[in-house]
Every structure is written in structure tokens, then in C-alpha cells.
Amino acid sequence: MLYALTNEVKRKAIEAGFVSIGIADLDMLKNLHYGWVGEVRELYRPEAELANTKSVIILAFNTWDSAYSLTIHSPIWRNNGTQLPSKRFAHNSLGYEVMKNKAWTIVAFL
């Protein structure tokens, strides 16, 4: 049963447009850096997000086109004091938005 679910999740990820997918046991991720990592917001441990987490799905997406580097600015963003005062807009890269929407197809399946 678990093997069939793993294969189905991988198939759905490939159909969604991901170029690679892995499913990792939490022990494999224990030495990763968590907290503020580079330009990433705060990276949380999987079990902090969902207490009963047993494994993590890792997806890779090819951002071959420079359009994926475009940034989407939100004019309704309000600086809540956690960013520099000079920062006027929250933004996400187009690549992130595309990946996030593709990942939701897998979440919906699960």
C-alpha cells in the first residue's frame, strides 16, 4: 500500500511539471539548517509544521526561463516591523508562485 502511494505521488508530481521528486525520512533532514537561512524567510522543521510528520516530499522544478526570476510586488503589503524600513513591498518570485501552485495539486491528491 505505501509503495503504491509513493509511486502515485511521484506520478502526480511529474504530471504537475516537477522534474524530480523524492520522499525523505525525517532522520535524513535532521542536519539541515533551520531558522533564517539566507534570503529564505524562516525555515521550520517539518515536525514543527505538522506534529505527526513521518516523511517529507521534496520537489524539483526547472526554472530554465529567465521569466521565472521576475518578482511580483504586492502594493497592499504593510511593513510589520520585521523588515528594513526601506523595504516597501513584499514580493515573491514568479518561479516560487508557479511551483507553489503545482505543489497544491499534490496536496489536493493527498
N, C-alpha and C. Protein backbone atom coordinates (compact mmCIF):
# COMPACT_ATOMS: atom_id res chain seq x y z
N MET A 1 0.82 -1.20 0.00
CA MET A 1 0.00 0.00 0.00
C MET A 1 0.86 1.26 0.00
N LEU A 2 1.85 1.33 0.89
CA LEU A 2 2.71 2.51 0.97
C LEU A 2 3.50 2.69 -0.31
N TYR A 3 3.99 1.58 -0.88
CA TYR A 3 4.73 1.63 -2.13
C TYR A 3 3.86 2.17 -3.26
N ALA A 4 2.60 1.76 -3.30
CA ALA A 4 1.66 2.24 -4.32
C ALA A 4 1.39 3.73 -4.15
N LEU A 5 1.23 4.20 -2.92
CA LEU A 5 1.01 5.63 -2.66
C LEU A 5 2.23 6.44 -3.07
N THR A 6 3.42 5.96 -2.74
CA THR A 6 4.66 6.64 -3.12
C THR A 6 4.74 6.79 -4.63
N ASN A 7 4.47 5.72 -5.35
CA ASN A 7 4.52 5.77 -6.81
C ASN A 7 3.47 6.72 -7.38
N GLU A 8 2.29 6.73 -6.79
CA GLU A 8 1.22 7.61 -7.27
C GLU A 8 1.57 9.09 -7.02
N VAL A 9 2.14 9.39 -5.86
CA VAL A 9 2.56 10.77 -5.56
C VAL A 9 3.65 11.20 -6.55
N LYS A 10 4.59 10.32 -6.83
CA LYS A 10 5.65 10.65 -7.79
C LYS A 10 5.06 10.87 -9.19
N ARG A 11 4.11 10.06 -9.57
CA ARG A 11 3.47 10.21 -10.88
C ARG A 11 2.74 11.54 -10.97
N LYS A 12 2.01 11.90 -9.91
CA LYS A 12 1.28 13.17 -9.88
C LYS A 12 2.25 14.36 -9.97
N ALA A 13 3.38 14.24 -9.30
CA ALA A 13 4.37 15.33 -9.32
C ALA A 13 4.96 15.53 -10.71
N ILE A 14 5.26 14.44 -11.39
CA ILE A 14 5.78 14.53 -12.75
C ILE A 14 4.71 15.12 -13.67
N GLU A 15 3.47 14.68 -13.51
CA GLU A 15 2.36 15.23 -14.31
C GLU A 15 2.18 16.74 -14.07
N ALA A 16 2.44 17.17 -12.83
CA ALA A 16 2.28 18.59 -12.48
C ALA A 16 3.41 19.44 -13.06
N GLY A 17 4.49 18.80 -13.50
CA GLY A 17 5.58 19.56 -14.11
C GLY A 17 6.88 19.58 -13.32
N PHE A 18 6.94 18.85 -12.23
CA PHE A 18 8.20 18.76 -11.49
C PHE A 18 9.15 17.82 -12.22
N VAL A 19 10.43 18.12 -12.20
CA VAL A 19 11.40 17.30 -12.92
C VAL A 19 11.99 16.20 -12.06
N SER A 20 11.85 16.34 -10.77
CA SER A 20 12.37 15.32 -9.87
C SER A 20 11.57 15.37 -8.57
N ILE A 21 11.47 14.23 -7.94
CA ILE A 21 10.74 14.14 -6.68
C ILE A 21 11.42 13.11 -5.80
N GLY A 22 11.46 13.41 -4.51
CA GLY A 22 11.99 12.46 -3.54
C GLY A 22 11.12 12.48 -2.30
N ILE A 23 11.11 11.38 -1.61
CA ILE A 23 10.39 11.31 -0.34
C ILE A 23 11.41 10.89 0.70
N ALA A 24 11.62 11.77 1.68
CA ALA A 24 12.69 11.57 2.65
C ALA A 24 12.14 11.34 4.04
N ASP A 25 12.80 10.45 4.75
CA ASP A 25 12.52 10.22 6.17
C ASP A 25 13.05 11.43 6.95
N LEU A 26 12.42 11.78 8.05
CA LEU A 26 12.84 12.94 8.83
C LEU A 26 14.29 12.84 9.30
N ASP A 27 14.78 11.64 9.57
CA ASP A 27 16.16 11.48 10.01
C ASP A 27 17.15 11.99 8.97
N MET A 28 16.78 11.92 7.69
CA MET A 28 17.66 12.39 6.62
C MET A 28 17.78 13.91 6.62
N LEU A 29 16.84 14.61 7.26
CA LEU A 29 16.81 16.07 7.24
C LEU A 29 17.28 16.71 8.54
N LYS A 30 17.66 15.90 9.51
CA LYS A 30 17.95 16.45 10.84
C LYS A 30 19.14 17.39 10.88
N ASN A 31 20.08 17.29 9.93
CA ASN A 31 21.27 18.15 9.95
C ASN A 31 21.14 19.39 9.08
N LEU A 32 19.96 19.62 8.52
CA LEU A 32 19.76 20.83 7.73
C LEU A 32 19.75 22.05 8.63
N HIS A 33 20.06 23.20 8.05
CA HIS A 33 19.99 24.46 8.80
C HIS A 33 18.54 24.92 8.84
N TYR A 34 18.07 25.28 10.00
CA TYR A 34 16.72 25.78 10.16
C TYR A 34 16.79 27.18 10.75
N GLY A 35 15.68 27.88 10.72
CA GLY A 35 15.66 29.26 11.16
C GLY A 35 15.77 30.15 9.93
N TRP A 36 16.44 31.29 10.08
CA TRP A 36 16.63 32.19 8.95
C TRP A 36 17.80 31.68 8.13
N VAL A 37 17.52 31.31 6.89
CA VAL A 37 18.54 30.73 6.01
C VAL A 37 18.66 31.62 4.78
N GLY A 38 19.75 32.39 4.70
CA GLY A 38 19.96 33.27 3.55
C GLY A 38 18.79 34.20 3.34
N GLU A 39 18.28 34.24 2.13
CA GLU A 39 17.14 35.10 1.80
C GLU A 39 15.81 34.42 2.06
N VAL A 40 15.86 33.15 2.48
CA VAL A 40 14.62 32.43 2.78
C VAL A 40 14.01 33.03 4.02
N ARG A 41 12.70 33.06 4.06
CA ARG A 41 12.07 33.53 5.28
C ARG A 41 12.50 32.59 6.39
N GLU A 42 11.67 32.18 7.24
CA GLU A 42 12.10 31.26 8.29
C GLU A 42 11.80 29.84 7.87
N LEU A 43 12.82 28.99 7.90
CA LEU A 43 12.67 27.59 7.53
C LEU A 43 12.41 26.78 8.80
N TYR A 44 11.24 26.19 8.87
CA TYR A 44 10.84 25.44 10.05
C TYR A 44 11.13 23.96 9.89
N ARG A 45 11.35 23.30 11.00
CA ARG A 45 11.48 21.85 10.97
C ARG A 45 10.13 21.26 10.59
N PRO A 46 10.12 20.20 9.78
CA PRO A 46 8.84 19.62 9.34
C PRO A 46 7.91 19.27 10.50
N GLU A 47 8.45 18.72 11.56
CA GLU A 47 7.59 18.33 12.68
C GLU A 47 7.06 19.53 13.46
N ALA A 48 7.67 20.70 13.28
CA ALA A 48 7.13 21.92 13.88
C ALA A 48 5.91 22.41 13.10
N GLU A 49 5.88 22.12 11.82
CA GLU A 49 4.74 22.48 10.98
C GLU A 49 3.58 21.52 11.18
N LEU A 50 3.90 20.24 11.26
CA LEU A 50 2.88 19.20 11.41
C LEU A 50 3.44 18.15 12.37
N ALA A 51 2.89 18.09 13.57
CA ALA A 51 3.47 17.29 14.65
C ALA A 51 3.69 15.82 14.30
N ASN A 52 2.82 15.23 13.54
CA ASN A 52 2.91 13.79 13.26
C ASN A 52 3.65 13.47 11.96
N THR A 53 4.46 14.40 11.49
CA THR A 53 5.18 14.20 10.23
C THR A 53 6.12 13.01 10.32
N LYS A 54 6.06 12.16 9.31
CA LYS A 54 6.94 10.99 9.26
C LYS A 54 7.91 11.07 8.10
N SER A 55 7.52 11.77 7.03
CA SER A 55 8.38 11.93 5.88
C SER A 55 8.05 13.24 5.18
N VAL A 56 8.93 13.65 4.28
CA VAL A 56 8.79 14.93 3.59
C VAL A 56 8.91 14.68 2.09
N ILE A 57 8.05 15.32 1.33
CA ILE A 57 8.13 15.25 -0.13
C ILE A 57 9.00 16.41 -0.60
N ILE A 58 10.03 16.11 -1.36
CA ILE A 58 10.94 17.12 -1.88
C ILE A 58 10.76 17.17 -3.40
N LEU A 59 10.47 18.37 -3.92
CA LEU A 59 10.17 18.55 -5.33
C LEU A 59 11.20 19.45 -5.99
N ALA A 60 11.54 19.16 -7.23
CA ALA A 60 12.46 20.00 -8.00
C ALA A 60 11.75 20.47 -9.26
N PHE A 61 11.93 21.74 -9.56
CA PHE A 61 11.28 22.36 -10.70
C PHE A 61 12.33 23.10 -11.51
N ASN A 62 12.35 22.91 -12.82
CA ASN A 62 13.34 23.54 -13.68
C ASN A 62 12.89 24.96 -14.04
N THR A 63 13.64 25.94 -13.60
CA THR A 63 13.33 27.34 -13.92
C THR A 63 14.26 27.81 -15.03
N TRP A 64 14.15 27.17 -16.18
CA TRP A 64 15.03 27.40 -17.32
C TRP A 64 14.84 28.75 -17.97
N ASP A 65 13.70 29.36 -17.81
CA ASP A 65 13.40 30.63 -18.47
C ASP A 65 13.67 31.78 -17.49
N SER A 66 14.27 32.85 -17.97
CA SER A 66 14.56 33.99 -17.10
C SER A 66 13.28 34.63 -16.56
N ALA A 67 12.14 34.34 -17.18
CA ALA A 67 10.87 34.87 -16.68
C ALA A 67 10.59 34.39 -15.26
N TYR A 68 11.12 33.23 -14.89
CA TYR A 68 10.91 32.73 -13.53
C TYR A 68 11.60 33.60 -12.48
N SER A 69 12.51 34.45 -12.90
CA SER A 69 13.20 35.35 -11.96
C SER A 69 12.43 36.64 -11.74
N LEU A 70 11.34 36.83 -12.48
CA LEU A 70 10.53 38.02 -12.29
C LEU A 70 9.97 38.02 -10.87
N THR A 71 9.76 39.22 -10.36
CA THR A 71 9.27 39.35 -9.00
C THR A 71 7.90 40.00 -9.01
N ILE A 72 7.02 39.48 -8.21
CA ILE A 72 5.67 40.01 -8.09
C ILE A 72 5.62 40.84 -6.82
N HIS A 73 5.30 42.11 -6.96
CA HIS A 73 5.21 43.01 -5.81
C HIS A 73 3.75 43.19 -5.40
N SER A 74 3.54 43.27 -4.11
CA SER A 74 2.18 43.45 -3.60
C SER A 74 2.02 44.89 -3.11
N PRO A 75 1.22 45.70 -3.78
CA PRO A 75 1.05 47.09 -3.35
C PRO A 75 0.24 47.22 -2.05
N ILE A 76 -0.42 46.15 -1.60
CA ILE A 76 -1.21 46.23 -0.37
C ILE A 76 -0.41 45.77 0.86
N TRP A 77 0.87 45.43 0.66
CA TRP A 77 1.70 44.95 1.75
C TRP A 77 1.96 46.05 2.77
N ARG A 78 1.94 45.70 4.02
CA ARG A 78 2.23 46.65 5.10
C ARG A 78 3.43 46.12 5.88
N ASN A 79 4.46 46.93 5.99
CA ASN A 79 5.64 46.53 6.75
C ASN A 79 5.25 46.38 8.22
N ASN A 80 5.42 45.19 8.75
CA ASN A 80 5.02 44.95 10.14
C ASN A 80 6.18 45.10 11.12
N GLY A 81 7.28 45.71 10.66
CA GLY A 81 8.41 45.95 11.55
C GLY A 81 9.47 44.86 11.52
N THR A 82 9.22 43.77 10.80
CA THR A 82 10.22 42.70 10.74
C THR A 82 11.20 42.89 9.59
N GLN A 83 10.91 43.84 8.68
CA GLN A 83 11.79 44.12 7.56
C GLN A 83 12.41 45.51 7.73
N LEU A 84 13.42 45.79 6.94
CA LEU A 84 14.03 47.12 6.95
C LEU A 84 13.00 48.16 6.56
N PRO A 85 13.07 49.37 7.15
CA PRO A 85 12.10 50.42 6.79
C PRO A 85 12.14 50.76 5.30
N SER A 86 13.28 50.55 4.65
CA SER A 86 13.39 50.88 3.23
C SER A 86 12.64 49.89 2.34
N LYS A 87 12.27 48.76 2.90
CA LYS A 87 11.55 47.76 2.11
C LYS A 87 10.10 48.17 2.01
N ARG A 88 9.65 48.39 0.77
CA ARG A 88 8.31 48.92 0.58
C ARG A 88 7.29 47.90 0.14
N PHE A 89 7.73 46.78 -0.39
CA PHE A 89 6.79 45.78 -0.90
C PHE A 89 7.25 44.39 -0.50
N ALA A 90 6.28 43.53 -0.23
CA ALA A 90 6.58 42.11 -0.13
C ALA A 90 6.62 41.59 -1.55
N HIS A 91 7.41 40.59 -1.81
CA HIS A 91 7.46 40.06 -3.16
C HIS A 91 7.76 38.56 -3.15
N ASN A 92 7.31 37.94 -4.16
CA ASN A 92 7.61 36.53 -4.42
C ASN A 92 8.05 36.42 -5.86
N SER A 93 8.98 35.53 -6.11
CA SER A 93 9.39 35.33 -7.49
C SER A 93 8.31 34.56 -8.22
N LEU A 94 8.23 34.77 -9.51
CA LEU A 94 7.25 34.07 -10.33
C LEU A 94 7.48 32.56 -10.25
N GLY A 95 8.75 32.15 -10.24
CA GLY A 95 9.07 30.73 -10.12
C GLY A 95 8.48 30.11 -8.87
N TYR A 96 8.57 30.84 -7.75
CA TYR A 96 8.01 30.34 -6.50
C TYR A 96 6.50 30.19 -6.62
N GLU A 97 5.85 31.17 -7.21
CA GLU A 97 4.39 31.11 -7.34
C GLU A 97 3.96 29.94 -8.23
N VAL A 98 4.68 29.71 -9.32
CA VAL A 98 4.37 28.60 -10.21
C VAL A 98 4.55 27.26 -9.48
N MET A 99 5.69 27.12 -8.77
CA MET A 99 5.94 25.87 -8.03
C MET A 99 4.89 25.63 -6.97
N LYS A 100 4.54 26.69 -6.26
CA LYS A 100 3.54 26.56 -5.19
C LYS A 100 2.21 26.06 -5.75
N ASN A 101 1.78 26.62 -6.87
CA ASN A 101 0.51 26.19 -7.47
C ASN A 101 0.59 24.76 -7.96
N LYS A 102 1.71 24.36 -8.51
CA LYS A 102 1.88 22.97 -8.95
C LYS A 102 1.87 22.02 -7.75
N ALA A 103 2.50 22.44 -6.66
CA ALA A 103 2.56 21.59 -5.46
C ALA A 103 1.17 21.38 -4.86
N TRP A 104 0.29 22.36 -5.00
CA TRP A 104 -1.06 22.22 -4.46
C TRP A 104 -1.82 21.07 -5.12
N THR A 105 -1.46 20.71 -6.36
CA THR A 105 -2.14 19.58 -7.00
C THR A 105 -1.80 18.28 -6.25
N ILE A 106 -0.59 18.20 -5.73
CA ILE A 106 -0.18 17.02 -4.96
C ILE A 106 -0.85 17.03 -3.59
N VAL A 107 -0.91 18.20 -2.98
CA VAL A 107 -1.59 18.32 -1.68
C VAL A 107 -3.05 17.91 -1.83
N ALA A 108 -3.70 18.38 -2.87
CA ALA A 108 -5.11 18.04 -3.09
C ALA A 108 -5.28 16.53 -3.26
N PHE A 109 -4.33 15.89 -3.96
CA PHE A 109 -4.41 14.45 -4.12
C PHE A 109 -4.29 13.72 -2.77
N LEU A 110 -3.34 14.17 -1.96
CA LEU A 110 -3.13 13.51 -0.66
C LEU A 110 -4.30 13.76 0.28
